[in-house]
Amino acid sequence: MSIVKRNNLFFPSLMNDFVGPDWFGGTDKWNTSMPAVNIKDNTEGFELELAVPGMKKDDFTVEIDNDVLTISSEVKSENEESNDNYTRKEFSYSSFKRAFTLPETVDGSKIDAKYEDGVLKLTLPKKQEALPKPKRLIDIA
């Protein structure tokens, strides 16, 4: 004897699509091609790190418009092989676009980006007036 699990729904795949957890904020159908992002806040500024292995630095576009930092990429590749009795044509396409609203403390004119070992790292320095002030000793008169 074996145990068999039965699903009594009339159209199981249709019902799973309709009442799946994504309707309520689940992550079952999340876009897995979206790169993971780490955001670090330190005293000098912020650091954004995007995990995007297998790409080149020319594949990225980094723009700032109205205090919105947009990082995007679009990569297309096509491979065609022809022999006597067959032709094989393969192509792929991948893209992503991430947008971040910059806080008022970031100096947008000094943002620096670097791509190394599959990680795109952006340095967002803080404005001079936003940096922490050093301690000072006040003389008592």
Protein backbone atom coordinates (compact mmCIF):
# COMPACT_ATOMS: atom_id res chain seq x y z
CA MET A 1 0.00 0.00 0.00
CA SER A 2 1.27 3.47 -0.81
CA ILE A 3 0.17 6.87 0.38
CA VAL A 4 -1.19 9.11 -2.36
CA LYS A 5 -1.83 12.82 -1.93
CA ARG A 6 -4.84 14.05 -3.86
CA ASN A 7 -5.77 17.55 -4.82
CA ASN A 8 -9.54 17.82 -5.20
CA LEU A 9 -9.51 21.05 -7.19
CA PHE A 10 -11.13 20.92 -10.60
CA PHE A 11 -8.36 22.88 -12.36
CA PRO A 12 -5.40 22.75 -9.95
CA SER A 13 -2.96 24.86 -11.93
CA LEU A 14 -5.58 27.51 -12.69
CA MET A 15 -6.67 27.64 -9.05
CA ASN A 16 -3.06 27.80 -7.85
CA ASP A 17 -2.43 30.74 -10.18
CA PHE A 18 -5.59 32.49 -9.04
CA VAL A 19 -5.32 32.02 -5.27
CA GLY A 20 -1.56 31.62 -5.00
CA PRO A 21 0.39 33.46 -2.32
CA ASP A 22 1.56 36.16 -4.76
CA TRP A 23 -1.83 37.86 -4.51
CA PHE A 24 -1.04 38.47 -0.86
CA GLY A 25 2.58 39.59 -1.17
CA GLY A 26 4.29 36.21 -1.59
CA THR A 27 7.48 35.59 -3.49
CA ASP A 28 6.62 32.46 -5.51
CA LYS A 29 6.70 34.25 -8.85
CA TRP A 30 9.38 36.77 -8.09
CA ASN A 31 11.61 37.80 -10.97
CA THR A 32 14.84 35.94 -10.22
CA SER A 33 16.82 37.94 -12.77
CA MET A 34 16.67 41.03 -10.52
CA PRO A 35 20.09 41.44 -8.88
CA ALA A 36 20.41 41.44 -5.13
CA VAL A 37 21.39 44.79 -3.58
CA ASN A 38 23.25 45.60 -0.37
CA ILE A 39 23.09 49.16 0.96
CA LYS A 40 25.62 50.21 3.58
CA ASP A 41 25.52 53.48 5.51
CA ASN A 42 28.80 54.70 6.99
CA THR A 43 30.05 58.06 8.24
CA GLU A 44 31.41 59.26 4.86
CA GLY A 45 28.49 58.11 2.70
CA PHE A 46 26.52 55.15 1.38
CA GLU A 47 27.68 52.10 -0.59
CA LEU A 48 25.45 50.16 -2.97
CA GLU A 49 26.55 46.71 -4.06
CA LEU A 50 24.70 44.83 -6.80
CA ALA A 51 25.45 41.15 -7.40
CA VAL A 52 25.59 40.84 -11.21
CA PRO A 53 28.06 38.11 -12.18
CA GLY A 54 28.99 37.31 -15.76
CA MET A 55 28.61 40.82 -17.12
CA LYS A 56 30.99 43.51 -18.33
CA LYS A 57 31.16 47.09 -17.10
CA ASP A 58 29.96 48.30 -20.52
CA ASP A 59 26.67 46.41 -20.00
CA PHE A 60 25.50 48.86 -17.28
CA THR A 61 23.88 52.27 -17.46
CA VAL A 62 23.93 54.40 -14.30
CA GLU A 63 21.94 57.65 -14.37
CA ILE A 64 20.81 60.32 -11.92
CA ASP A 65 17.70 62.38 -12.64
CA ASN A 66 15.83 64.47 -10.04
CA ASP A 67 17.56 62.72 -7.11
CA VAL A 68 16.68 59.26 -8.47
CA LEU A 69 19.60 56.91 -9.12
CA THR A 70 18.74 54.40 -11.87
CA ILE A 71 20.89 51.36 -12.61
CA SER A 72 19.95 49.33 -15.67
CA SER A 73 21.37 46.70 -17.96
CA GLU A 74 20.31 45.05 -21.20
CA VAL A 75 22.29 42.17 -22.71
CA LYS A 76 21.44 40.39 -25.94
CA SER A 77 23.36 37.52 -27.47
CA GLU A 78 22.83 35.47 -30.60
CA ASN A 79 24.60 32.34 -31.78
CA GLU A 80 24.01 30.67 -35.13
CA GLU A 81 25.57 27.43 -36.33
CA SER A 82 24.94 26.03 -39.80
CA ASN A 83 25.95 22.62 -41.10
CA ASP A 84 24.97 20.54 -44.12
CA ASN A 85 21.57 19.36 -42.96
CA TYR A 86 20.66 21.63 -40.04
CA THR A 87 20.84 25.16 -38.71
CA ARG A 88 20.84 25.91 -35.01
CA LYS A 89 20.13 29.42 -33.85
CA GLU A 90 20.18 30.35 -30.18
CA PHE A 91 19.60 33.73 -28.63
CA SER A 92 19.20 35.10 -25.15
CA TYR A 93 18.07 38.38 -23.64
CA SER A 94 18.34 39.63 -20.10
CA SER A 95 17.65 43.01 -18.58
CA PHE A 96 16.97 44.69 -15.27
CA LYS A 97 16.32 48.17 -13.97
CA ARG A 98 16.62 49.31 -10.35
CA ALA A 99 15.82 52.82 -9.13
CA PHE A 100 16.76 54.37 -5.78
CA THR A 101 15.62 57.71 -4.39
CA LEU A 102 18.67 59.52 -3.07
CA PRO A 103 18.43 61.19 0.34
CA GLU A 104 19.11 64.92 0.54
CA THR A 105 22.39 64.21 2.34
CA VAL A 106 24.02 62.59 -0.74
CA ASP A 107 26.25 64.67 -3.00
CA GLY A 108 25.08 63.48 -6.44
CA SER A 109 27.99 65.09 -8.31
CA LYS A 110 30.59 62.88 -6.61
CA ILE A 111 29.05 59.42 -7.08
CA ASP A 112 31.58 56.81 -8.19
CA ALA A 113 30.94 53.35 -9.71
CA LYS A 114 33.20 50.35 -10.16
CA TYR A 115 32.59 46.79 -11.43
CA GLU A 116 34.84 44.07 -10.08
CA ASP A 117 34.47 40.28 -9.62
CA GLY A 118 30.75 40.24 -10.48
CA VAL A 119 29.84 43.06 -8.08
CA LEU A 120 28.86 46.56 -9.20
CA LYS A 121 29.80 48.90 -6.34
CA LEU A 122 28.60 52.50 -6.17
CA THR A 123 29.97 54.97 -3.64
CA LEU A 124 27.58 57.78 -2.72
CA PRO A 125 29.42 60.36 -0.59
CA LYS A 126 27.51 62.55 1.83
CA LYS A 127 27.46 66.34 1.54
CA GLN A 128 29.94 68.20 3.73
CA GLU A 129 27.18 69.65 5.93
CA ALA A 130 25.74 66.16 6.50
CA LEU A 131 29.00 64.69 7.81
CA PRO A 132 29.24 64.28 11.58
CA LYS A 133 30.95 67.18 13.31
CA PRO A 134 33.99 66.40 15.44
CA LYS A 135 33.87 67.00 19.17
CA ARG A 136 35.04 70.36 20.32
CA LEU A 137 35.89 71.63 23.73
CA ILE A 138 34.10 74.76 24.91
CA ASP A 139 36.01 77.06 27.23
CA ILE A 140 34.13 78.33 30.24
CA ALA A 141 34.55 82.08 30.77
